[in-house]
């Protein structure tokens, strides 16, 4: 097994034999199929670069993961890199950081450097926008909560609680706390993100509830129809996280919008009822 992987390495580098990527692939695959971690990682690299085989990031991820799951530090870094760049699977900085940490603990210098700089400029901008948007929602809710306790105040309190909950989850994800690595955490965070986004839109545009509900509903249907039509079994597995996170965001946007539409209809009906009762009787 090791000899097969080493032979593939010799063919790849042209040492002791003519350089031949196709032959290197053949021997790497023989060793990789027997579980050799170095051969698995090298085979993933060949797919990543498109050397000796057509470039295929999904296949590269598959082989990197096989070696990474066996504790091979270089493959753990490579898999983390694929997550950080969104190559072969949806970008996921939390998952990238998890694999970088595994490799860094084994002394991988690339992983250690990646952990120091894992927050890219776009990520920092996105986090800043998340904080500022949520704080704007909290301030708006606080201002609308004045006066006697009633439906308006209860709505403001709910908005504040949701906004604060979302900020907590953002901080947990930012500092890579343990629970932040779970799919349930990511789903909940995106669900709250959708709710906060819809409520923030309502602060800027007060008559937005019906439009947001309509748009989120159409996007939800269109996105899932597109996913069903364009992702076969091979591509569905790496993209599953993108599917459920996008659905969580759209569902989150729909929830407060639907509640606002329902409350507006209820308020209108109560107003109509009171108007009917107050109307003078005709003799």
C-alpha atoms as a PDB file:
ATOM      1  CA  UNK A   1       0.000   0.000   0.000  1.00  0.00           C
ATOM      2  CA  UNK A   2       2.723   2.506   0.949  1.00  0.00           C
ATOM      3  CA  UNK A   3       4.824   1.335  -2.002  1.00  0.00           C
ATOM      4  CA  UNK A   4       1.927   1.986  -4.380  1.00  0.00           C
ATOM      5  CA  UNK A   5       1.470   5.506  -3.026  1.00  0.00           C
ATOM      6  CA  UNK A   6       5.213   6.147  -3.209  1.00  0.00           C
ATOM      7  CA  UNK A   7       5.300   4.882  -6.793  1.00  0.00           C
ATOM      8  CA  UNK A   8       2.532   7.340  -7.679  1.00  0.00           C
ATOM      9  CA  UNK A   9       4.623  10.089  -6.076  1.00  0.00           C
ATOM     10  CA  UNK A  10       7.639   9.092  -8.180  1.00  0.00           C
ATOM     11  CA  UNK A  11       5.607   9.206 -11.391  1.00  0.00           C
ATOM     12  CA  UNK A  12       4.107  12.575 -10.430  1.00  0.00           C
ATOM     13  CA  UNK A  13       7.510  14.139  -9.761  1.00  0.00           C
ATOM     14  CA  UNK A  14       9.360  12.323 -12.548  1.00  0.00           C
ATOM     15  CA  UNK A  15      11.870  10.759 -10.188  1.00  0.00           C
ATOM     16  CA  UNK A  16      13.293   7.450 -11.387  1.00  0.00           C
ATOM     17  CA  UNK A  17      10.642   7.361 -14.120  1.00  0.00           C
ATOM     18  CA  UNK A  18       9.283   9.724 -16.790  1.00  0.00           C
ATOM     19  CA  UNK A  19       6.857  12.266 -15.351  1.00  0.00           C
ATOM     20  CA  UNK A  20       3.370  10.860 -15.983  1.00  0.00           C
ATOM     21  CA  UNK A  21       0.271  12.244 -14.226  1.00  0.00           C
ATOM     22  CA  UNK A  22      -1.992   9.484 -15.547  1.00  0.00           C
ATOM     23  CA  UNK A  23       0.315   6.810 -14.164  1.00  0.00           C
ATOM     24  CA  UNK A  24       0.620   8.720 -10.889  1.00  0.00           C
ATOM     25  CA  UNK A  25      -3.181   8.784 -10.646  1.00  0.00           C
ATOM     26  CA  UNK A  26      -3.349   5.038 -11.255  1.00  0.00           C
ATOM     27  CA  UNK A  27      -0.975   4.211  -8.414  1.00  0.00           C
ATOM     28  CA  UNK A  28      -2.375   6.834  -6.069  1.00  0.00           C
ATOM     29  CA  UNK A  29      -5.828   5.342  -6.571  1.00  0.00           C
ATOM     30  CA  UNK A  30      -4.611   1.805  -5.839  1.00  0.00           C
ATOM     31  CA  UNK A  31      -3.119   2.949  -2.524  1.00  0.00           C
ATOM     32  CA  UNK A  32      -6.024   5.275  -1.732  1.00  0.00           C
ATOM     33  CA  UNK A  33      -8.578   2.504  -2.199  1.00  0.00           C
ATOM     34  CA  UNK A  34      -6.651   0.504   0.411  1.00  0.00           C
ATOM     35  CA  UNK A  35      -6.868   3.403   2.883  1.00  0.00           C
ATOM     36  CA  UNK A  36      -3.462   5.053   2.537  1.00  0.00           C
ATOM     37  CA  UNK A  37      -3.977   8.617   3.804  1.00  0.00           C
ATOM     38  CA  UNK A  38      -1.117  10.202   1.875  1.00  0.00           C
ATOM     39  CA  UNK A  39      -2.328   8.660  -1.369  1.00  0.00           C
ATOM     40  CA  UNK A  40      -5.888   9.810  -0.638  1.00  0.00           C
ATOM     41  CA  UNK A  41      -4.723  13.364  -0.024  1.00  0.00           C
ATOM     42  CA  UNK A  42      -2.500  13.317  -3.127  1.00  0.00           C
ATOM     43  CA  UNK A  43      -5.368  11.972  -5.203  1.00  0.00           C
ATOM     44  CA  UNK A  44      -7.558  14.792  -3.912  1.00  0.00           C
ATOM     45  CA  UNK A  45      -4.845  17.250  -4.938  1.00  0.00           C
ATOM     46  CA  UNK A  46      -4.753  15.782  -8.461  1.00  0.00           C
ATOM     47  CA  UNK A  47      -8.511  16.306  -8.789  1.00  0.00           C
ATOM     48  CA  UNK A  48      -8.168  19.792  -7.323  1.00  0.00           C
ATOM     49  CA  UNK A  49      -5.536  20.794  -9.884  1.00  0.00           C
ATOM     50  CA  UNK A  50      -6.960  18.755 -12.763  1.00  0.00           C
ATOM     51  CA  UNK A  51      -3.708  16.857 -13.289  1.00  0.00           C
ATOM     52  CA  UNK A  52      -4.137  13.496 -14.991  1.00  0.00           C
ATOM     53  CA  UNK A  53      -7.914  13.786 -14.528  1.00  0.00           C
ATOM     54  CA  UNK A  54     -10.544  16.444 -15.301  1.00  0.00           C
ATOM     55  CA  UNK A  55     -10.638  19.084 -12.573  1.00  0.00           C
ATOM     56  CA  UNK A  56     -13.343  18.108 -10.092  1.00  0.00           C
ATOM     57  CA  UNK A  57     -13.587  19.918  -6.748  1.00  0.00           C
ATOM     58  CA  UNK A  58     -16.337  17.619  -5.476  1.00  0.00           C
ATOM     59  CA  UNK A  59     -14.134  14.566  -6.030  1.00  0.00           C
ATOM     60  CA  UNK A  60     -11.189  16.398  -4.469  1.00  0.00           C
ATOM     61  CA  UNK A  61     -13.271  17.070  -1.353  1.00  0.00           C
ATOM     62  CA  UNK A  62     -14.268  13.405  -1.199  1.00  0.00           C
ATOM     63  CA  UNK A  63     -10.653  12.214  -1.085  1.00  0.00           C
ATOM     64  CA  UNK A  64      -9.492  14.987   1.251  1.00  0.00           C
ATOM     65  CA  UNK A  65     -12.286  14.011   3.651  1.00  0.00           C
ATOM     66  CA  UNK A  66     -11.312  10.324   3.588  1.00  0.00           C
ATOM     67  CA  UNK A  67      -7.783  11.187   4.689  1.00  0.00           C
ATOM     68  CA  UNK A  68      -8.887  13.940   7.086  1.00  0.00           C
ATOM     69  CA  UNK A  69     -11.286  11.602   8.872  1.00  0.00           C
ATOM     70  CA  UNK A  70      -8.301   9.326   9.579  1.00  0.00           C
ATOM     71  CA  UNK A  71      -6.462  12.201  11.275  1.00  0.00           C
ATOM     72  CA  UNK A  72      -4.030  13.148   8.486  1.00  0.00           C
ATOM     73  CA  UNK A  73      -3.118  16.774   9.234  1.00  0.00           C
ATOM     74  CA  UNK A  74      -2.359  17.870   5.667  1.00  0.00           C
ATOM     75  CA  UNK A  75      -5.720  16.564   4.456  1.00  0.00           C
ATOM     76  CA  UNK A  76      -7.467  18.295   7.366  1.00  0.00           C
ATOM     77  CA  UNK A  77      -5.927  21.579   6.244  1.00  0.00           C
ATOM     78  CA  UNK A  78      -6.860  20.862   2.608  1.00  0.00           C
ATOM     79  CA  UNK A  79     -10.459  20.110   3.582  1.00  0.00           C
ATOM     80  CA  UNK A  80     -10.586  23.274   5.685  1.00  0.00           C
ATOM     81  CA  UNK A  81      -9.316  25.233   2.692  1.00  0.00           C
ATOM     82  CA  UNK A  82     -12.071  23.804   0.481  1.00  0.00           C
ATOM     83  CA  UNK A  83     -14.682  24.881   3.048  1.00  0.00           C
ATOM     84  CA  UNK A  84     -13.157  28.358   3.360  1.00  0.00           C
ATOM     85  CA  UNK A  85     -13.155  28.894  -0.419  1.00  0.00           C
ATOM     86  CA  UNK A  86     -16.452  27.144  -1.176  1.00  0.00           C
ATOM     87  CA  UNK A  87     -14.842  24.758  -3.652  1.00  0.00           C
ATOM     88  CA  UNK A  88     -16.732  21.500  -4.126  1.00  0.00           C
ATOM     89  CA  UNK A  89     -19.161  22.389  -1.337  1.00  0.00           C
ATOM     90  CA  UNK A  90     -20.909  25.473   0.076  1.00  0.00           C
ATOM     91  CA  UNK A  91     -18.562  27.930   1.822  1.00  0.00           C
ATOM     92  CA  UNK A  92     -18.627  27.422   5.583  1.00  0.00           C
ATOM     93  CA  UNK A  93     -16.108  29.361   7.668  1.00  0.00           C
ATOM     94  CA  UNK A  94     -17.110  27.599  10.887  1.00  0.00           C
ATOM     95  CA  UNK A  95     -16.451  24.182   9.368  1.00  0.00           C
ATOM     96  CA  UNK A  96     -13.220  25.458   7.803  1.00  0.00           C
ATOM     97  CA  UNK A  97     -12.030  26.680  11.206  1.00  0.00           C
ATOM     98  CA  UNK A  98     -12.903  23.305  12.775  1.00  0.00           C
ATOM     99  CA  UNK A  99     -10.676  21.432  10.321  1.00  0.00           C
ATOM    100  CA  UNK A 100      -7.926  24.052  10.548  1.00  0.00           C
ATOM    101  CA  UNK A 101      -7.896  23.601  14.342  1.00  0.00           C
ATOM    102  CA  UNK A 102      -7.581  19.819  13.978  1.00  0.00           C
ATOM    103  CA  UNK A 103      -4.600  20.237  11.646  1.00  0.00           C
ATOM    104  CA  UNK A 104      -3.053  23.025  13.740  1.00  0.00           C
ATOM    105  CA  UNK A 105      -3.083  20.840  16.860  1.00  0.00           C
ATOM    106  CA  UNK A 106      -0.850  18.414  14.951  1.00  0.00           C
ATOM    107  CA  UNK A 107       1.586  21.198  14.093  1.00  0.00           C
ATOM    108  CA  UNK A 108       0.467  21.995  10.544  1.00  0.00           C
ATOM    109  CA  UNK A 109       1.877  25.503   9.963  1.00  0.00           C
ATOM    110  CA  UNK A 110      -0.516  26.352   7.105  1.00  0.00           C
ATOM    111  CA  UNK A 111      -3.485  25.604   9.337  1.00  0.00           C
ATOM    112  CA  UNK A 112      -2.000  27.673  12.152  1.00  0.00           C
ATOM    113  CA  UNK A 113      -1.589  30.645   9.808  1.00  0.00           C
ATOM    114  CA  UNK A 114      -5.104  30.158   8.435  1.00  0.00           C
ATOM    115  CA  UNK A 115      -6.573  30.304  11.956  1.00  0.00           C
ATOM    116  CA  UNK A 116      -4.883  33.646  12.602  1.00  0.00           C
ATOM    117  CA  UNK A 117      -6.410  35.171   9.461  1.00  0.00           C
ATOM    118  CA  UNK A 118      -9.592  33.138   9.002  1.00  0.00           C
ATOM    119  CA  UNK A 119     -11.880  36.186   9.120  1.00  0.00           C
ATOM    120  CA  UNK A 120     -11.675  37.628   5.610  1.00  0.00           C
ATOM    121  CA  UNK A 121     -12.608  41.232   4.835  1.00  0.00           C
ATOM    122  CA  UNK A 122     -16.035  40.241   3.389  1.00  0.00           C
ATOM    123  CA  UNK A 123     -16.728  38.252   6.576  1.00  0.00           C
ATOM    124  CA  UNK A 124     -15.836  41.233   8.757  1.00  0.00           C
ATOM    125  CA  UNK A 125     -18.075  43.510   6.664  1.00  0.00           C
ATOM    126  CA  UNK A 126     -20.950  41.003   6.901  1.00  0.00           C
ATOM    127  CA  UNK A 127     -20.591  40.694  10.691  1.00  0.00           C
ATOM    128  CA  UNK A 128     -20.526  44.504  11.032  1.00  0.00           C
ATOM    129  CA  UNK A 129     -23.706  44.783   8.977  1.00  0.00           C
ATOM    130  CA  UNK A 130     -25.357  42.075  11.094  1.00  0.00           C
ATOM    131  CA  UNK A 131     -24.533  43.930  14.311  1.00  0.00           C
ATOM    132  CA  UNK A 132     -25.550  47.364  13.050  1.00  0.00           C
ATOM    133  CA  UNK A 133     -28.794  46.077  11.525  1.00  0.00           C
ATOM    134  CA  UNK A 134     -29.781  44.213  14.683  1.00  0.00           C
ATOM    135  CA  UNK A 135     -28.948  47.205  16.894  1.00  0.00           C
ATOM    136  CA  UNK A 136     -31.108  49.412  14.636  1.00  0.00           C
ATOM    137  CA  UNK A 137     -33.975  46.949  15.114  1.00  0.00           C
ATOM    138  CA  UNK A 138     -33.494  46.970  18.902  1.00  0.00           C
ATOM    139  CA  UNK A 139     -33.468  50.783  19.055  1.00  0.00           C
ATOM    140  CA  UNK A 140     -36.588  50.997  16.890  1.00  0.00           C
ATOM    141  CA  UNK A 141     -38.386  48.415  19.037  1.00  0.00           C
ATOM    142  CA  UNK A 142     -37.409  50.222  22.237  1.00  0.00           C
ATOM    143  CA  UNK A 143     -38.777  53.526  20.950  1.00  0.00           C
ATOM    144  CA  UNK A 144     -42.076  51.953  19.915  1.00  0.00           C
ATOM    145  CA  UNK A 145     -42.555  50.345  23.346  1.00  0.00           C
ATOM    146  CA  UNK A 146     -43.486  53.592  25.122  1.00  0.00           C
ATOM    147  CA  UNK A 147     -46.822  54.099  26.834  1.00  0.00           C
ATOM    148  CA  UNK A 148     -49.165  51.625  28.470  1.00  0.00           C
ATOM    149  CA  UNK A 149     -48.503  47.928  28.061  1.00  0.00           C
ATOM    150  CA  UNK A 150     -50.483  46.594  25.109  1.00  0.00           C
ATOM    151  CA  UNK A 151     -50.169  44.777  21.762  1.00  0.00           C
ATOM    152  CA  UNK A 152     -47.639  47.283  20.423  1.00  0.00           C
ATOM    153  CA  UNK A 153     -45.436  46.878  23.480  1.00  0.00           C
ATOM    154  CA  UNK A 154     -45.676  43.081  23.362  1.00  0.00           C
ATOM    155  CA  UNK A 155     -44.630  43.133  19.708  1.00  0.00           C
ATOM    156  CA  UNK A 156     -41.676  45.385  20.553  1.00  0.00           C
ATOM    157  CA  UNK A 157     -40.558  43.024  23.324  1.00  0.00           C
ATOM    158  CA  UNK A 158     -40.700  40.033  20.970  1.00  0.00           C
ATOM    159  CA  UNK A 159     -38.605  41.928  18.411  1.00  0.00           C
ATOM    160  CA  UNK A 160     -36.046  42.845  21.059  1.00  0.00           C
ATOM    161  CA  UNK A 161     -35.789  39.255  22.291  1.00  0.00           C
ATOM    162  CA  UNK A 162     -35.349  37.923  18.746  1.00  0.00           C
ATOM    163  CA  UNK A 163     -32.763  40.586  17.967  1.00  0.00           C
ATOM    164  CA  UNK A 164     -30.793  39.874  21.134  1.00  0.00           C
ATOM    165  CA  UNK A 165     -30.976  36.116  20.497  1.00  0.00           C
ATOM    166  CA  UNK A 166     -29.590  36.634  17.012  1.00  0.00           C
ATOM    167  CA  UNK A 167     -26.711  38.757  18.349  1.00  0.00           C
ATOM    168  CA  UNK A 168     -25.875  35.994  20.835  1.00  0.00           C
ATOM    169  CA  UNK A 169     -25.753  33.404  18.029  1.00  0.00           C
ATOM    170  CA  UNK A 170     -23.600  35.674  15.868  1.00  0.00           C
ATOM    171  CA  UNK A 171     -21.125  36.028  18.757  1.00  0.00           C
ATOM    172  CA  UNK A 172     -21.121  32.281  19.382  1.00  0.00           C
ATOM    173  CA  UNK A 173     -20.377  31.637  15.720  1.00  0.00           C
ATOM    174  CA  UNK A 174     -17.701  34.347  15.663  1.00  0.00           C
ATOM    175  CA  UNK A 175     -15.812  32.804  18.598  1.00  0.00           C
ATOM    176  CA  UNK A 176     -16.372  29.248  17.323  1.00  0.00           C
ATOM    177  CA  UNK A 177     -18.017  27.937  20.496  1.00  0.00           C
ATOM    178  CA  UNK A 178     -18.667  24.199  20.534  1.00  0.00           C
ATOM    179  CA  UNK A 179     -22.384  24.247  19.771  1.00  0.00           C
ATOM    180  CA  UNK A 180     -21.692  26.630  16.850  1.00  0.00           C
ATOM    181  CA  UNK A 181     -20.322  23.659  14.908  1.00  0.00           C
ATOM    182  CA  UNK A 182     -23.685  21.863  14.769  1.00  0.00           C
ATOM    183  CA  UNK A 183     -26.175  21.908  11.913  1.00  0.00           C
ATOM    184  CA  UNK A 184     -28.991  22.753  14.350  1.00  0.00           C
ATOM    185  CA  UNK A 185     -27.099  25.897  15.401  1.00  0.00           C
ATOM    186  CA  UNK A 186     -26.572  26.986  11.791  1.00  0.00           C
ATOM    187  CA  UNK A 187     -30.211  26.368  10.918  1.00  0.00           C
ATOM    188  CA  UNK A 188     -31.423  28.332  13.969  1.00  0.00           C
ATOM    189  CA  UNK A 189     -29.029  31.207  13.252  1.00  0.00           C
ATOM    190  CA  UNK A 190     -30.247  31.503   9.653  1.00  0.00           C
ATOM    191  CA  UNK A 191     -33.877  31.233  10.760  1.00  0.00           C
ATOM    192  CA  UNK A 192     -33.354  34.124  13.184  1.00  0.00           C
ATOM    193  CA  UNK A 193     -31.392  36.019  10.530  1.00  0.00           C
ATOM    194  CA  UNK A 194     -34.401  35.829   8.215  1.00  0.00           C
ATOM    195  CA  UNK A 195     -36.748  37.016  10.961  1.00  0.00           C
ATOM    196  CA  UNK A 196     -34.476  39.916  11.922  1.00  0.00           C
ATOM    197  CA  UNK A 197     -34.074  40.883   8.255  1.00  0.00           C
ATOM    198  CA  UNK A 198     -37.847  40.939   7.697  1.00  0.00           C
ATOM    199  CA  UNK A 199     -38.406  42.994  10.859  1.00  0.00           C
ATOM    200  CA  UNK A 200     -35.618  45.389   9.886  1.00  0.00           C
ATOM    201  CA  UNK A 201     -37.232  45.899   6.475  1.00  0.00           C
ATOM    202  CA  UNK A 202     -40.499  46.708   8.268  1.00  0.00           C
ATOM    203  CA  UNK A 203     -38.682  49.436  10.227  1.00  0.00           C
ATOM    204  CA  UNK A 204     -37.473  51.038   7.003  1.00  0.00           C
ATOM    205  CA  UNK A 205     -40.634  50.311   4.991  1.00  0.00           C
ATOM    206  CA  UNK A 206     -43.692  50.010   7.229  1.00  0.00           C
ATOM    207  CA  UNK A 207     -46.005  48.541   4.573  1.00  0.00           C
ATOM    208  CA  UNK A 208     -43.547  45.795   3.617  1.00  0.00           C
ATOM    209  CA  UNK A 209     -45.152  42.755   5.283  1.00  0.00           C
ATOM    210  CA  UNK A 210     -47.234  41.572   2.316  1.00  0.00           C
ATOM    211  CA  UNK A 211     -44.419  42.195  -0.155  1.00  0.00           C
ATOM    212  CA  UNK A 212     -41.807  40.405   1.953  1.00  0.00           C
ATOM    213  CA  UNK A 213     -44.175  37.471   2.544  1.00  0.00           C
ATOM    214  CA  UNK A 214     -44.928  37.232  -1.164  1.00  0.00           C
ATOM    215  CA  UNK A 215     -41.277  37.503  -2.220  1.00  0.00           C
ATOM    216  CA  UNK A 216     -39.978  35.032   0.380  1.00  0.00           C
ATOM    217  CA  UNK A 217     -42.703  32.552  -0.576  1.00  0.00           C
ATOM    218  CA  UNK A 218     -41.888  32.792  -4.273  1.00  0.00           C
ATOM    219  CA  UNK A 219     -38.143  32.488  -3.623  1.00  0.00           C
ATOM    220  CA  UNK A 220     -38.724  29.464  -1.380  1.00  0.00           C
ATOM    221  CA  UNK A 221     -40.697  27.653  -4.083  1.00  0.00           C
ATOM    222  CA  UNK A 222     -38.347  28.712  -6.900  1.00  0.00           C
ATOM    223  CA  UNK A 223     -35.206  27.775  -4.965  1.00  0.00           C
ATOM    224  CA  UNK A 224     -36.433  24.301  -4.092  1.00  0.00           C
ATOM    225  CA  UNK A 225     -37.727  23.618  -7.600  1.00  0.00           C
ATOM    226  CA  UNK A 226     -34.358  24.703  -8.974  1.00  0.00           C
ATOM    227  CA  UNK A 227     -32.553  22.483  -6.465  1.00  0.00           C
ATOM    228  CA  UNK A 228     -34.650  19.460  -7.410  1.00  0.00           C
ATOM    229  CA  UNK A 229     -34.212  20.086 -11.128  1.00  0.00           C
ATOM    230  CA  UNK A 230     -30.477  20.835 -11.196  1.00  0.00           C
ATOM    231  CA  UNK A 231     -28.818  18.747  -8.494  1.00  0.00           C
ATOM    232  CA  UNK A 232     -28.409  15.035  -9.016  1.00  0.00           C
ATOM    233  CA  UNK A 233     -27.472  12.688  -6.181  1.00  0.00           C
ATOM    234  CA  UNK A 234     -23.746  13.239  -6.695  1.00  0.00           C
ATOM    235  CA  UNK A 235     -23.968  16.989  -6.272  1.00  0.00           C
ATOM    236  CA  UNK A 236     -26.798  17.086  -3.749  1.00  0.00           C
ATOM    237  CA  UNK A 237     -24.802  15.736  -0.803  1.00  0.00           C
ATOM    238  CA  UNK A 238     -22.095  18.457  -0.733  1.00  0.00           C
ATOM    239  CA  UNK A 239     -24.730  21.162  -1.289  1.00  0.00           C
ATOM    240  CA  UNK A 240     -27.240  19.968   1.317  1.00  0.00           C
ATOM    241  CA  UNK A 241     -26.094  22.564   3.851  1.00  0.00           C
ATOM    242  CA  UNK A 242     -26.638  25.390   1.380  1.00  0.00           C
ATOM    243  CA  UNK A 243     -30.167  24.091   0.735  1.00  0.00           C
ATOM    244  CA  UNK A 244     -31.327  23.955   4.330  1.00  0.00           C
ATOM    245  CA  UNK A 245     -29.609  27.194   5.324  1.00  0.00           C
ATOM    246  CA  UNK A 246     -31.228  29.072   2.439  1.00  0.00           C
ATOM    247  CA  UNK A 247     -34.595  27.548   3.296  1.00  0.00           C
ATOM    248  CA  UNK A 248     -34.121  28.546   6.942  1.00  0.00           C
ATOM    249  CA  UNK A 249     -33.443  32.153   5.895  1.00  0.00           C
ATOM    250  CA  UNK A 250     -36.534  32.301   3.644  1.00  0.00           C
ATOM    251  CA  UNK A 251     -38.772  30.657   6.251  1.00  0.00           C
ATOM    252  CA  UNK A 252     -37.458  33.093   8.852  1.00  0.00           C
ATOM    253  CA  UNK A 253     -38.347  36.032   6.610  1.00  0.00           C
ATOM    254  CA  UNK A 254     -41.854  34.658   6.084  1.00  0.00           C
ATOM    255  CA  UNK A 255     -42.708  34.132   9.782  1.00  0.00           C
ATOM    256  CA  UNK A 256     -42.794  37.781  11.026  1.00  0.00           C
ATOM    257  CA  UNK A 257     -44.242  38.927   7.696  1.00  0.00           C
ATOM    258  CA  UNK A 258     -47.122  36.454   7.972  1.00  0.00           C
ATOM    259  CA  UNK A 259     -47.673  37.465  11.610  1.00  0.00           C
ATOM    260  CA  UNK A 260     -47.757  41.155  10.639  1.00  0.00           C
ATOM    261  CA  UNK A 261     -50.269  40.493   7.840  1.00  0.00           C
ATOM    262  CA  UNK A 262     -52.459  38.458  10.204  1.00  0.00           C
ATOM    263  CA  UNK A 263     -52.333  41.135  12.940  1.00  0.00           C
ATOM    264  CA  UNK A 264     -53.162  43.884  10.419  1.00  0.00           C
ATOM    265  CA  UNK A 265     -56.173  41.907   9.169  1.00  0.00           C
ATOM    266  CA  UNK A 266     -57.307  41.212  12.724  1.00  0.00           C
ATOM    267  CA  UNK A 267     -56.967  44.879  13.701  1.00  0.00           C
ATOM    268  CA  UNK A 268     -58.922  45.927  10.620  1.00  0.00           C
ATOM    269  CA  UNK A 269     -61.729  43.458  11.389  1.00  0.00           C
ATOM    270  CA  UNK A 270     -61.934  44.650  15.005  1.00  0.00           C
ATOM    271  CA  UNK A 271     -62.066  48.233  13.798  1.00  0.00           C
ATOM    272  CA  UNK A 272     -64.852  47.417  11.376  1.00  0.00           C
ATOM    273  CA  UNK A 273     -66.750  45.603  14.115  1.00  0.00           C
ATOM    274  CA  UNK A 274     -66.474  48.551  16.498  1.00  0.00           C
ATOM    275  CA  UNK A 275     -67.549  50.925  13.749  1.00  0.00           C
ATOM    276  CA  UNK A 276     -70.629  48.775  13.097  1.00  0.00           C
ATOM    277  CA  UNK A 277     -71.534  48.712  16.765  1.00  0.00           C
ATOM    278  CA  UNK A 278     -71.072  52.449  17.116  1.00  0.00           C
ATOM    279  CA  UNK A 279     -73.189  53.287  14.065  1.00  0.00           C
ATOM    280  CA  UNK A 280     -76.518  54.981  15.035  1.00  0.00           C
ATOM    281  CA  UNK A 281     -79.629  52.865  14.620  1.00  0.00           C
ATOM    282  CA  UNK A 282     -82.041  53.934  11.944  1.00  0.00           C
ATOM    283  CA  UNK A 283     -85.692  54.266  12.701  1.00  0.00           C
END
